[in-house]
Amino acid sequence: MASSPAPTPRPGDQLAAATGSTRVIVIRAPKGATDTVECGGVPMLPAREVPAQRVPAGAPAAQAPGTLIGKRYVDAADTLELLCTASGAGPLTYGGEPLTVKAPKALPASD
């Protein structure tokens, strides 16, 4: 089965790394987006086209920085937001720029 070209992100899309176990859900995407989301330098594909990969227990940690399950990743302009649903090796990028972990919002004090 031939895989489709890497999609431009749209809210609700589920994407998976073609060469690893990273999976994300697009929470927010810029209007008119033309770039693709990449993991480890390889464009991510629709999750339905990539079988889930399991990392064996006790497997050594990957050398490259990876993604962390439950974390939100954003671009520098804060126009793209991804939620990591399965961790894996390799950094996330969008348009060639690295995505960073979104800082949690500070809650008001309940004095």
C-alpha atoms as a PDB file:
ATOM      1  CA  MET A   1       0.000   0.000   0.000  1.00  0.00           C
ATOM      2  CA  ALA A   2       1.482   3.354  -1.037  1.00  0.00           C
ATOM      3  CA  SER A   3       1.552   5.959   1.700  1.00  0.00           C
ATOM      4  CA  SER A   4       0.063   9.383   1.134  1.00  0.00           C
ATOM      5  CA  PRO A   5       2.220  12.475   1.089  1.00  0.00           C
ATOM      6  CA  ALA A   6       2.895  14.041   4.466  1.00  0.00           C
ATOM      7  CA  PRO A   7      -0.172  16.090   5.410  1.00  0.00           C
ATOM      8  CA  THR A   8      -0.210  19.701   6.486  1.00  0.00           C
ATOM      9  CA  PRO A   9      -1.465  19.774  10.072  1.00  0.00           C
ATOM     10  CA  ARG A  10      -5.118  20.441  10.894  1.00  0.00           C
ATOM     11  CA  PRO A  11      -6.697  20.411  14.364  1.00  0.00           C
ATOM     12  CA  GLY A  12      -7.770  16.886  15.283  1.00  0.00           C
ATOM     13  CA  ASP A  13      -5.274  15.136  13.004  1.00  0.00           C
ATOM     14  CA  GLN A  14      -3.486  12.165  14.511  1.00  0.00           C
ATOM     15  CA  LEU A  15       0.073  11.833  13.225  1.00  0.00           C
ATOM     16  CA  ALA A  16       2.678   9.105  13.699  1.00  0.00           C
ATOM     17  CA  ALA A  17       6.412   8.982  13.124  1.00  0.00           C
ATOM     18  CA  ALA A  18       7.271   6.888  10.078  1.00  0.00           C
ATOM     19  CA  THR A  19      10.435   5.549  11.693  1.00  0.00           C
ATOM     20  CA  GLY A  20       9.678   5.512  15.422  1.00  0.00           C
ATOM     21  CA  SER A  21       7.002   5.209  18.062  1.00  0.00           C
ATOM     22  CA  THR A  22       6.101   8.921  18.451  1.00  0.00           C
ATOM     23  CA  ARG A  23       2.428   9.775  17.967  1.00  0.00           C
ATOM     24  CA  VAL A  24       0.776  13.185  18.325  1.00  0.00           C
ATOM     25  CA  ILE A  25      -2.609  14.866  17.990  1.00  0.00           C
ATOM     26  CA  VAL A  26      -2.762  18.333  16.416  1.00  0.00           C
ATOM     27  CA  ILE A  27      -4.440  20.654  18.935  1.00  0.00           C
ATOM     28  CA  ARG A  28      -3.937  23.928  17.057  1.00  0.00           C
ATOM     29  CA  ALA A  29      -2.517  24.681  13.603  1.00  0.00           C
ATOM     30  CA  PRO A  30      -1.888  27.920  11.719  1.00  0.00           C
ATOM     31  CA  LYS A  31      -4.475  28.866   9.092  1.00  0.00           C
ATOM     32  CA  GLY A  32      -3.217  28.151   5.598  1.00  0.00           C
ATOM     33  CA  ALA A  33      -0.435  25.904   6.903  1.00  0.00           C
ATOM     34  CA  THR A  34       1.783  24.548   4.140  1.00  0.00           C
ATOM     35  CA  ASP A  35       4.619  22.984   6.145  1.00  0.00           C
ATOM     36  CA  THR A  36       4.658  19.471   7.570  1.00  0.00           C
ATOM     37  CA  VAL A  37       5.386  18.179  11.049  1.00  0.00           C
ATOM     38  CA  GLU A  38       8.522  16.047  11.239  1.00  0.00           C
ATOM     39  CA  CYS A  39       9.929  13.700  13.851  1.00  0.00           C
ATOM     40  CA  GLY A  40      13.658  13.064  13.675  1.00  0.00           C
ATOM     41  CA  GLY A  41      13.817  14.829  10.296  1.00  0.00           C
ATOM     42  CA  VAL A  42      11.230  12.534   8.647  1.00  0.00           C
ATOM     43  CA  PRO A  43       7.711  13.812   7.830  1.00  0.00           C
ATOM     44  CA  MET A  44       5.031  12.376  10.100  1.00  0.00           C
ATOM     45  CA  LEU A  45       2.188  10.456   8.467  1.00  0.00           C
ATOM     46  CA  PRO A  46      -1.499   9.982   9.295  1.00  0.00           C
ATOM     47  CA  ALA A  47      -1.575   7.582  12.263  1.00  0.00           C
ATOM     48  CA  ARG A  48      -3.949   5.178  10.493  1.00  0.00           C
ATOM     49  CA  GLU A  49      -1.197   4.466   7.922  1.00  0.00           C
ATOM     50  CA  VAL A  50       1.536   3.606  10.430  1.00  0.00           C
ATOM     51  CA  PRO A  51       1.324   0.513  12.639  1.00  0.00           C
ATOM     52  CA  ALA A  52       1.894   1.171  16.347  1.00  0.00           C
ATOM     53  CA  GLN A  53       5.428   0.357  17.458  1.00  0.00           C
ATOM     54  CA  ARG A  54       6.203  -0.830  20.945  1.00  0.00           C
ATOM     55  CA  VAL A  55       9.464  -0.142  22.720  1.00  0.00           C
ATOM     56  CA  PRO A  56      10.616  -3.254  24.593  1.00  0.00           C
ATOM     57  CA  ALA A  57      10.857  -2.934  28.375  1.00  0.00           C
ATOM     58  CA  GLY A  58      14.385  -2.207  29.506  1.00  0.00           C
ATOM     59  CA  ALA A  59      15.412  -0.911  26.064  1.00  0.00           C
ATOM     60  CA  PRO A  60      18.270   1.620  26.250  1.00  0.00           C
ATOM     61  CA  ALA A  61      17.281   5.280  25.951  1.00  0.00           C
ATOM     62  CA  ALA A  62      17.795   6.794  22.517  1.00  0.00           C
ATOM     63  CA  GLN A  63      20.701   9.185  22.050  1.00  0.00           C
ATOM     64  CA  ALA A  64      18.653  11.901  20.346  1.00  0.00           C
ATOM     65  CA  PRO A  65      16.240  13.972  22.415  1.00  0.00           C
ATOM     66  CA  GLY A  66      12.797  12.466  22.196  1.00  0.00           C
ATOM     67  CA  THR A  67       9.180  13.247  22.765  1.00  0.00           C
ATOM     68  CA  LEU A  68       7.436  12.761  26.088  1.00  0.00           C
ATOM     69  CA  ILE A  69       3.935  11.357  26.428  1.00  0.00           C
ATOM     70  CA  GLY A  70       1.381  13.859  27.737  1.00  0.00           C
ATOM     71  CA  LYS A  71       3.472  16.925  26.885  1.00  0.00           C
ATOM     72  CA  ARG A  72       2.328  19.667  24.539  1.00  0.00           C
ATOM     73  CA  TYR A  73       4.767  20.908  21.914  1.00  0.00           C
ATOM     74  CA  VAL A  74       4.560  24.362  20.299  1.00  0.00           C
ATOM     75  CA  ASP A  75       6.412  26.298  17.611  1.00  0.00           C
ATOM     76  CA  ALA A  76       8.205  29.590  18.328  1.00  0.00           C
ATOM     77  CA  ALA A  77       5.242  31.660  17.084  1.00  0.00           C
ATOM     78  CA  ASP A  78       2.812  29.614  19.239  1.00  0.00           C
ATOM     79  CA  THR A  79       0.607  28.915  16.212  1.00  0.00           C
ATOM     80  CA  LEU A  80       1.054  25.121  16.176  1.00  0.00           C
ATOM     81  CA  GLU A  81       0.349  22.935  19.206  1.00  0.00           C
ATOM     82  CA  LEU A  82       0.721  19.151  19.357  1.00  0.00           C
ATOM     83  CA  LEU A  83      -0.151  16.755  22.179  1.00  0.00           C
ATOM     84  CA  CYS A  84       2.164  13.744  22.402  1.00  0.00           C
ATOM     85  CA  THR A  85       0.141  10.522  22.854  1.00  0.00           C
ATOM     86  CA  ALA A  86       3.059   8.077  22.486  1.00  0.00           C
ATOM     87  CA  SER A  87       6.652   8.927  23.308  1.00  0.00           C
ATOM     88  CA  GLY A  88       9.588   8.114  21.088  1.00  0.00           C
ATOM     89  CA  ALA A  89      13.011   9.134  19.871  1.00  0.00           C
ATOM     90  CA  GLY A  90      13.766  12.132  17.705  1.00  0.00           C
ATOM     91  CA  PRO A  91      12.840  15.797  18.063  1.00  0.00           C
ATOM     92  CA  LEU A  92       9.641  17.286  16.626  1.00  0.00           C
ATOM     93  CA  THR A  93       9.999  20.056  14.043  1.00  0.00           C
ATOM     94  CA  TYR A  94       7.637  22.157  11.935  1.00  0.00           C
ATOM     95  CA  GLY A  95       8.888  23.919   8.817  1.00  0.00           C
ATOM     96  CA  GLY A  96      12.435  22.957   9.794  1.00  0.00           C
ATOM     97  CA  GLU A  97      12.166  24.728  13.176  1.00  0.00           C
ATOM     98  CA  PRO A  98      12.251  22.743  16.436  1.00  0.00           C
ATOM     99  CA  LEU A  99       9.147  22.508  18.602  1.00  0.00           C
ATOM    100  CA  THR A 100       9.513  23.015  22.345  1.00  0.00           C
ATOM    101  CA  VAL A 101       7.588  21.722  25.344  1.00  0.00           C
ATOM    102  CA  LYS A 102       4.824  24.161  26.240  1.00  0.00           C
ATOM    103  CA  ALA A 103       5.220  25.649  29.703  1.00  0.00           C
ATOM    104  CA  PRO A 104       2.307  25.007  32.059  1.00  0.00           C
ATOM    105  CA  LYS A 105       0.027  27.933  32.869  1.00  0.00           C
ATOM    106  CA  ALA A 106       0.419  29.394  36.317  1.00  0.00           C
ATOM    107  CA  LEU A 107      -2.735  29.036  38.355  1.00  0.00           C
ATOM    108  CA  PRO A 108      -3.904  31.868  40.599  1.00  0.00           C
ATOM    109  CA  ALA A 109      -3.147  31.500  44.283  1.00  0.00           C
ATOM    110  CA  SER A 110      -6.058  30.265  46.362  1.00  0.00           C
ATOM    111  CA  ASP A 111      -5.187  32.129  49.553  1.00  0.00           C
END
